[in-house]
Amino acid sequence: MVTTSKSESSRTDEPLYRLLKVLRGSLLLSTIAIGVGLLLIGAVFELPVQFTSQDGVIAGMLGVFGVSSIVSAGSVYLALWRIRRD
């Protein structure tokens, strides 16, 4: 018989663990999370600190990829919601 220790059972109560478990189970939420992550990384490249000579270009590319992933996941969600509703 397998028993769980107190540290393992308390880990399932942590908000980060629950969030990651939900993201792992949903492709659309994972796509949105990736888009938000890309937007945040793009915002870092827009800071006054210069990492490379092409920071603006990299930030723009990451912004476009982030927004497009969020829009595409949202569109698929709305399409699935519409199909399920009918």
Protein backbone atom coordinates (compact mmCIF):
# COMPACT_ATOMS: atom_id res chain seq x y z
CA MET A 1 0.00 0.00 0.00
CA VAL A 2 1.34 3.39 -1.00
CA THR A 3 1.05 6.22 1.46
CA THR A 4 1.69 9.85 0.74
CA SER A 5 3.87 11.84 3.02
CA LYS A 6 2.81 15.13 4.51
CA SER A 7 5.07 17.09 2.12
CA GLU A 8 3.48 15.48 -0.95
CA SER A 9 -0.07 16.12 0.20
CA SER A 10 0.69 19.74 1.07
CA ARG A 11 2.23 20.27 -2.36
CA THR A 12 -1.13 19.64 -4.02
CA ASP A 13 -2.59 22.51 -1.99
CA GLU A 14 -0.15 25.07 -3.39
CA PRO A 15 -1.69 27.52 -5.89
CA LEU A 16 1.23 27.25 -8.33
CA TYR A 17 0.95 23.47 -8.41
CA ARG A 18 -2.79 23.67 -9.09
CA LEU A 19 -2.26 26.26 -11.84
CA LEU A 20 0.40 24.15 -13.56
CA LYS A 21 -1.84 21.10 -13.33
CA VAL A 22 -4.68 22.98 -15.02
CA LEU A 23 -2.34 24.28 -17.73
CA ARG A 24 -1.05 20.78 -18.36
CA GLY A 25 -4.56 19.53 -18.95
CA SER A 26 -5.68 22.22 -21.39
CA LEU A 27 -4.08 22.92 -24.76
CA LEU A 28 -5.89 26.23 -25.19
CA LEU A 29 -4.87 27.54 -21.77
CA SER A 30 -1.31 26.43 -22.42
CA THR A 31 -1.31 28.32 -25.72
CA ILE A 32 -2.59 31.45 -24.00
CA ALA A 33 0.04 31.08 -21.26
CA ILE A 34 2.77 30.78 -23.90
CA GLY A 35 1.42 33.92 -25.60
CA VAL A 36 1.46 35.86 -22.34
CA GLY A 37 5.00 34.62 -21.67
CA LEU A 38 6.13 35.79 -25.10
CA LEU A 39 4.58 39.20 -24.50
CA LEU A 40 6.37 39.49 -21.17
CA ILE A 41 9.71 38.52 -22.70
CA GLY A 42 9.10 41.05 -25.47
CA ALA A 43 8.44 43.71 -22.82
CA VAL A 44 11.79 42.88 -21.24
CA PHE A 45 13.49 43.54 -24.58
CA GLU A 46 11.80 46.96 -24.70
CA LEU A 47 13.45 48.06 -21.44
CA PRO A 48 16.08 50.81 -21.67
CA VAL A 49 18.80 48.22 -20.98
CA GLN A 50 20.27 47.06 -24.29
CA PHE A 51 20.87 43.31 -24.67
CA THR A 52 21.57 43.25 -28.41
CA SER A 53 21.61 45.80 -31.22
CA GLN A 54 18.25 44.47 -32.48
CA ASP A 55 16.19 44.65 -29.28
CA GLY A 56 13.29 46.46 -30.93
CA VAL A 57 13.03 43.89 -33.70
CA ILE A 58 13.12 40.98 -31.25
CA ALA A 59 10.54 42.65 -29.03
CA GLY A 60 8.27 43.21 -32.03
CA MET A 61 8.59 39.62 -33.18
CA LEU A 62 7.84 38.27 -29.71
CA GLY A 63 4.88 40.63 -29.42
CA VAL A 64 3.42 39.49 -32.73
CA PHE A 65 3.90 35.82 -31.85
CA GLY A 66 2.40 36.36 -28.39
CA VAL A 67 -0.66 38.23 -29.62
CA SER A 68 -1.24 35.76 -32.45
CA SER A 69 -1.10 32.78 -30.09
CA ILE A 70 -3.57 34.44 -27.72
CA VAL A 71 -5.92 35.36 -30.57
CA SER A 72 -5.74 31.91 -32.15
CA ALA A 73 -6.41 30.13 -28.85
CA GLY A 74 -9.27 32.50 -28.14
CA SER A 75 -10.73 31.93 -31.60
CA VAL A 76 -10.58 28.16 -31.20
CA TYR A 77 -12.20 28.46 -27.77
CA LEU A 78 -15.03 30.58 -29.18
CA ALA A 79 -15.52 28.16 -32.08
CA LEU A 80 -15.70 25.20 -29.70
CA TRP A 81 -18.08 27.10 -27.44
CA ARG A 82 -20.28 27.93 -30.43
CA ILE A 83 -20.30 24.31 -31.65
CA ARG A 84 -21.10 23.00 -28.18
CA ARG A 85 -23.92 25.52 -27.75
CA ASP A 86 -25.80 24.41 -30.88
